[in-house]
N, C-alpha and C. Protein backbone atom coordinates (compact mmCIF):
# COMPACT_ATOMS: atom_id res chain seq x y z
N MET A 1 -16.06 9.04 6.35
CA MET A 1 -15.00 9.36 5.37
C MET A 1 -13.68 8.69 5.55
N ASN A 2 -13.31 7.29 4.94
CA ASN A 2 -11.85 6.99 5.05
C ASN A 2 -10.78 7.74 4.91
N ALA A 3 -10.02 7.91 5.75
CA ALA A 3 -8.76 9.16 5.09
C ALA A 3 -7.95 8.28 3.91
N ASP A 4 -7.76 6.97 4.29
CA ASP A 4 -6.80 6.41 2.92
C ASP A 4 -7.75 6.40 1.64
N THR A 5 -9.39 6.22 1.81
CA THR A 5 -10.13 6.20 0.86
C THR A 5 -9.78 7.65 -0.33
N PHE A 6 -9.95 8.76 0.72
CA PHE A 6 -10.14 9.88 0.37
C PHE A 6 -8.74 10.32 -0.31
N ALA A 7 -7.52 9.64 0.22
CA ALA A 7 -5.91 10.24 -0.09
C ALA A 7 -5.84 9.28 -1.44
N GLY A 8 -6.45 8.36 -1.58
CA GLY A 8 -6.18 7.51 -2.68
C GLY A 8 -7.06 8.27 -4.03
N ALA A 9 -8.12 8.49 -3.82
CA ALA A 9 -8.80 9.37 -4.75
C ALA A 9 -8.28 10.79 -5.26
N ILE A 10 -7.64 11.32 -4.07
CA ILE A 10 -7.05 12.65 -4.52
C ILE A 10 -5.76 12.28 -5.40
N ALA A 11 -4.98 10.96 -5.18
CA ALA A 11 -3.83 10.95 -5.76
C ALA A 11 -4.42 10.49 -7.04
N GLY A 12 -5.23 9.63 -7.12
CA GLY A 12 -5.52 9.36 -8.67
C GLY A 12 -5.63 10.47 -9.09
N ALA A 13 -6.78 11.62 -8.90
CA ALA A 13 -7.41 12.94 -9.91
C ALA A 13 -5.93 13.55 -9.94
N LEU A 14 -4.92 13.47 -9.53
CA LEU A 14 -3.90 14.09 -9.56
C LEU A 14 -2.91 13.51 -10.20
N ASN A 15 -3.13 12.29 -10.69
CA ASN A 15 -2.35 11.54 -11.70
C ASN A 15 -1.19 11.20 -10.92
N ALA A 16 -0.78 11.30 -9.58
CA ALA A 16 0.07 11.13 -8.87
C ALA A 16 1.15 9.94 -8.99
N LYS A 17 2.36 10.04 -9.07
CA LYS A 17 3.44 8.91 -9.41
C LYS A 17 3.48 7.80 -8.57
N ARG A 18 3.33 8.54 -7.12
CA ARG A 18 3.77 7.54 -6.01
C ARG A 18 2.38 8.22 -4.65
N LEU A 19 1.80 6.91 -4.12
CA LEU A 19 1.03 7.11 -2.99
C LEU A 19 1.73 6.71 -1.70
N LEU A 20 1.54 7.43 -0.71
CA LEU A 20 2.17 6.64 0.47
C LEU A 20 1.03 6.36 1.50
N LEU A 21 0.97 5.24 2.34
CA LEU A 21 0.06 5.29 3.25
C LEU A 21 0.67 4.49 4.45
N LEU A 22 0.52 5.46 5.39
CA LEU A 22 1.06 5.13 6.50
C LEU A 22 0.18 4.58 7.68
N THR A 23 0.51 3.34 8.01
CA THR A 23 -0.10 2.74 8.95
C THR A 23 0.57 2.13 10.18
N ASP A 24 0.18 1.45 11.27
CA ASP A 24 0.78 1.10 12.41
C ASP A 24 1.55 -0.53 12.37
N VAL A 25 1.50 -1.08 11.19
CA VAL A 25 2.22 -2.37 10.83
C VAL A 25 3.16 -1.96 9.68
N PRO A 26 4.02 -2.98 9.54
CA PRO A 26 4.99 -3.12 8.42
C PRO A 26 4.52 -2.96 6.73
N GLY A 27 3.14 -3.43 6.65
CA GLY A 27 3.20 -3.44 5.22
C GLY A 27 1.71 -4.75 5.27
N VAL A 28 2.05 -5.05 4.09
CA VAL A 28 1.00 -5.93 3.93
C VAL A 28 2.03 -7.07 4.26
N LEU A 29 1.39 -8.39 5.15
CA LEU A 29 2.12 -9.57 5.67
C LEU A 29 1.20 -10.62 4.90
N ASP A 30 2.10 -12.07 5.12
CA ASP A 30 1.97 -12.88 4.34
C ASP A 30 1.06 -13.59 5.95
N LYS A 31 0.68 -14.88 5.49
CA LYS A 31 0.27 -15.62 6.33
C LYS A 31 1.05 -16.45 7.86
N SER A 32 2.28 -16.14 7.56
CA SER A 32 3.33 -16.39 8.51
C SER A 32 3.61 -14.90 8.85
N LYS A 33 3.04 -14.07 8.76
CA LYS A 33 2.93 -12.56 9.16
C LYS A 33 4.44 -12.01 8.84
N LYS A 34 4.85 -12.21 7.55
CA LYS A 34 6.43 -11.85 7.45
C LYS A 34 5.93 -10.71 6.46
N LEU A 35 6.59 -9.66 6.09
CA LEU A 35 6.42 -8.45 5.30
C LEU A 35 6.38 -9.11 4.02
N ILE A 36 5.50 -8.40 3.27
CA ILE A 36 5.51 -8.92 1.64
C ILE A 36 5.94 -7.51 0.85
N PRO A 37 7.33 -7.41 0.57
CA PRO A 37 7.89 -6.28 -0.12
C PRO A 37 7.09 -5.95 -1.44
N GLU A 38 6.39 -6.66 -2.22
CA GLU A 38 5.87 -5.91 -3.50
C GLU A 38 4.81 -6.91 -4.03
N LEU A 39 3.92 -6.31 -4.25
CA LEU A 39 2.60 -6.85 -5.07
C LEU A 39 2.12 -6.59 -6.21
N SER A 40 1.49 -7.17 -7.18
CA SER A 40 0.98 -6.58 -8.22
C SER A 40 -0.63 -6.50 -7.77
N LEU A 41 -1.22 -5.80 -8.61
CA LEU A 41 -2.55 -5.58 -8.38
C LEU A 41 -3.23 -7.06 -8.27
N LYS A 42 -3.00 -8.39 -9.46
CA LYS A 42 -3.38 -9.44 -9.58
C LYS A 42 -3.03 -10.11 -8.13
N ASP A 43 -1.87 -9.92 -7.49
CA ASP A 43 -1.42 -10.75 -6.28
C ASP A 43 -2.29 -10.10 -4.87
N ALA A 44 -2.45 -8.86 -4.97
CA ALA A 44 -3.43 -8.03 -4.19
C ALA A 44 -4.70 -8.53 -4.08
N ARG A 45 -5.26 -8.82 -5.35
CA ARG A 45 -6.70 -9.14 -5.28
C ARG A 45 -6.94 -10.97 -4.59
N LYS A 46 -5.82 -11.46 -5.19
CA LYS A 46 -5.78 -12.96 -4.39
C LYS A 46 -5.55 -12.85 -3.23
N LEU A 47 -4.83 -12.24 -2.70
CA LEU A 47 -4.73 -12.20 -1.08
C LEU A 47 -5.74 -11.93 -0.08
N ILE A 48 -6.70 -11.01 -0.83
CA ILE A 48 -8.12 -10.62 -0.38
C ILE A 48 -8.83 -11.57 -0.39
N ALA A 49 -8.66 -12.70 -1.51
CA ALA A 49 -9.93 -13.28 -1.59
C ALA A 49 -9.75 -14.57 -0.91
N ASP A 50 -8.22 -15.17 -0.83
CA ASP A 50 -7.94 -16.25 0.21
C ASP A 50 -7.92 -15.89 1.50
N GLY A 51 -7.89 -14.73 2.20
CA GLY A 51 -8.15 -14.61 3.68
C GLY A 51 -6.63 -13.80 3.90
N THR A 52 -5.73 -14.25 3.19
CA THR A 52 -4.26 -13.44 3.51
C THR A 52 -4.38 -12.16 4.08
N ILE A 53 -4.80 -11.10 3.37
CA ILE A 53 -5.37 -9.65 3.66
C ILE A 53 -6.67 -9.63 4.28
N SER A 54 -6.54 -9.17 5.49
CA SER A 54 -7.91 -9.73 6.33
C SER A 54 -8.20 -7.96 7.17
N GLY A 55 -9.24 -8.04 7.59
CA GLY A 55 -9.42 -6.96 8.84
C GLY A 55 -9.47 -5.60 8.33
N GLY A 56 -8.77 -4.49 8.79
CA GLY A 56 -8.43 -3.33 8.43
C GLY A 56 -7.38 -3.34 7.19
N MET A 57 -6.82 -4.38 7.16
CA MET A 57 -6.01 -3.84 5.77
C MET A 57 -6.73 -4.16 4.34
N ILE A 58 -7.88 -4.75 4.31
CA ILE A 58 -8.50 -4.77 3.19
C ILE A 58 -9.04 -3.19 2.73
N PRO A 59 -9.54 -2.67 3.55
CA PRO A 59 -9.98 -1.15 2.74
C PRO A 59 -8.48 -0.58 2.02
N LYS A 60 -7.49 -0.92 3.14
CA LYS A 60 -6.18 -0.12 2.63
C LYS A 60 -6.09 -0.45 1.35
N VAL A 61 -5.78 -1.87 1.23
CA VAL A 61 -5.14 -2.40 -0.14
C VAL A 61 -6.50 -2.20 -0.91
N GLU A 62 -7.65 -2.03 -0.82
CA GLU A 62 -8.58 -1.62 -2.13
C GLU A 62 -8.44 -0.23 -2.44
N THR A 63 -8.17 0.62 -1.45
CA THR A 63 -7.70 2.06 -1.77
C THR A 63 -6.56 2.13 -2.68
N CYS A 64 -5.52 1.24 -2.42
CA CYS A 64 -4.59 0.75 -3.33
C CYS A 64 -4.73 0.60 -4.72
N ILE A 65 -5.78 -0.42 -4.90
CA ILE A 65 -5.94 -0.72 -5.90
C ILE A 65 -6.79 0.27 -6.73
N ASP A 66 -7.66 1.02 -6.31
CA ASP A 66 -8.35 1.97 -6.73
C ASP A 66 -7.44 3.08 -7.49
N ALA A 67 -6.58 3.28 -6.48
CA ALA A 67 -5.45 4.65 -6.84
C ALA A 67 -5.02 4.28 -8.12
N LEU A 68 -4.27 3.00 -8.41
CA LEU A 68 -3.53 2.31 -9.30
C LEU A 68 -4.67 2.12 -10.46
N GLU A 69 -5.93 1.82 -10.49
CA GLU A 69 -6.42 1.72 -11.63
C GLU A 69 -7.07 3.49 -12.07
N ARG A 70 -6.74 4.28 -11.43
CA ARG A 70 -6.80 5.87 -11.73
C ARG A 70 -5.73 6.27 -12.34
N GLY A 71 -4.59 5.50 -12.15
CA GLY A 71 -3.27 5.94 -12.75
C GLY A 71 -2.08 6.03 -12.09
N VAL A 72 -2.17 6.20 -10.65
CA VAL A 72 -1.13 6.26 -9.88
C VAL A 72 -0.22 5.19 -10.17
N GLU A 73 1.35 5.45 -10.06
CA GLU A 73 2.18 4.27 -10.71
C GLU A 73 2.54 3.48 -9.59
N GLY A 74 2.39 3.54 -8.35
CA GLY A 74 2.79 3.13 -7.22
C GLY A 74 2.06 3.36 -5.98
N VAL A 75 1.84 2.25 -5.14
CA VAL A 75 1.09 2.84 -3.72
C VAL A 75 2.08 2.17 -2.78
N VAL A 76 2.48 2.62 -1.72
CA VAL A 76 3.25 1.75 -0.69
C VAL A 76 2.51 2.18 0.65
N ILE A 77 2.28 1.03 1.20
CA ILE A 77 1.66 0.99 2.71
C ILE A 77 3.17 0.86 3.41
N LEU A 78 3.31 1.46 4.53
CA LEU A 78 4.54 1.49 5.47
C LEU A 78 4.05 1.73 6.84
N ASP A 79 4.90 1.13 7.76
CA ASP A 79 5.11 1.73 9.04
C ASP A 79 5.26 2.94 9.31
N GLY A 80 4.42 3.44 9.58
CA GLY A 80 4.59 4.85 10.40
C GLY A 80 5.25 5.17 11.68
N LYS A 81 5.49 4.23 12.61
CA LYS A 81 6.27 4.05 13.64
C LYS A 81 7.58 3.80 13.66
N VAL A 82 8.10 3.32 12.44
CA VAL A 82 9.34 3.35 12.14
C VAL A 82 9.90 4.71 11.80
N PRO A 83 11.11 5.02 12.77
CA PRO A 83 11.78 6.31 12.22
C PRO A 83 12.23 6.64 10.96
N HIS A 84 11.90 7.76 10.16
CA HIS A 84 12.05 8.27 9.16
C HIS A 84 11.69 7.23 7.90
N ALA A 85 10.29 6.54 8.17
CA ALA A 85 9.82 5.68 7.13
C ALA A 85 9.86 6.26 6.08
N VAL A 86 9.09 7.34 5.49
CA VAL A 86 9.02 7.86 4.25
C VAL A 86 10.11 8.18 3.46
N LEU A 87 11.38 8.81 4.47
CA LEU A 87 12.82 9.07 4.04
C LEU A 87 13.31 7.84 3.52
N LEU A 88 13.08 6.41 4.41
CA LEU A 88 13.65 5.29 3.84
C LEU A 88 13.06 5.13 2.45
N GLU A 89 11.67 5.11 2.14
CA GLU A 89 11.01 4.51 1.49
C GLU A 89 11.36 5.42 -0.31
N LEU A 90 11.59 6.61 0.41
CA LEU A 90 11.70 7.83 -0.87
C LEU A 90 13.38 7.69 -1.41
N LEU A 91 13.90 7.67 -0.37
CA LEU A 91 15.48 7.37 -0.80
C LEU A 91 16.54 6.44 -0.87
N THR A 92 15.89 5.06 -0.64
CA THR A 92 16.51 3.89 -0.79
C THR A 92 16.18 2.97 -1.70
N ASP A 93 16.92 2.27 -2.33
CA ASP A 93 16.61 1.06 -3.16
C ASP A 93 15.65 0.27 -2.43
N HIS A 94 15.81 -0.22 -1.43
CA HIS A 94 14.78 -1.19 -0.34
C HIS A 94 13.79 -0.72 -0.04
N GLY A 95 13.50 0.59 -0.20
CA GLY A 95 12.16 1.23 0.74
C GLY A 95 11.74 0.65 1.76
N ALA A 96 10.83 0.70 1.88
CA ALA A 96 9.92 0.41 3.60
C ALA A 96 8.62 -0.14 3.29
N GLY A 97 8.28 -1.04 3.87
CA GLY A 97 6.78 -1.42 3.53
C GLY A 97 6.59 -2.25 2.28
N THR A 98 5.27 -2.01 1.86
CA THR A 98 4.94 -3.22 0.67
C THR A 98 4.47 -1.97 -0.42
N LEU A 99 5.17 -2.22 -1.51
CA LEU A 99 4.85 -1.52 -2.76
C LEU A 99 3.86 -2.58 -3.59
N ILE A 100 2.88 -1.74 -3.99
CA ILE A 100 1.73 -2.43 -4.74
C ILE A 100 1.92 -1.34 -6.10
N LYS A 101 1.72 -2.37 -7.21
CA LYS A 101 1.85 -1.41 -8.34
C LYS A 101 1.23 -2.44 -9.52
N ARG A 102 0.97 -2.06 -10.62
CA ARG A 102 0.43 -2.52 -11.87
C ARG A 102 0.97 -3.44 -12.49
């Protein structure tokens, strides 16, 4: 069982407001390897289809999509190697990583 998939299912079942997924990259990256700060469901699906989102990021983003479809308001993919990444996401306006929302 993939831990992200499990976390997404639990967040959906709990009607969580936000799900944070920690990884070892800054978030979802564009083809130039620059961080995409925010994506809609439609944009996320398009980036998977065109190959921008690839490899191990595909199941992570698919988990985000599933959680959003189950009622989670927003999912953030952020770099767990950044000191205080969770606090930056929760307590600042600019956040950290990529926010995916409906």
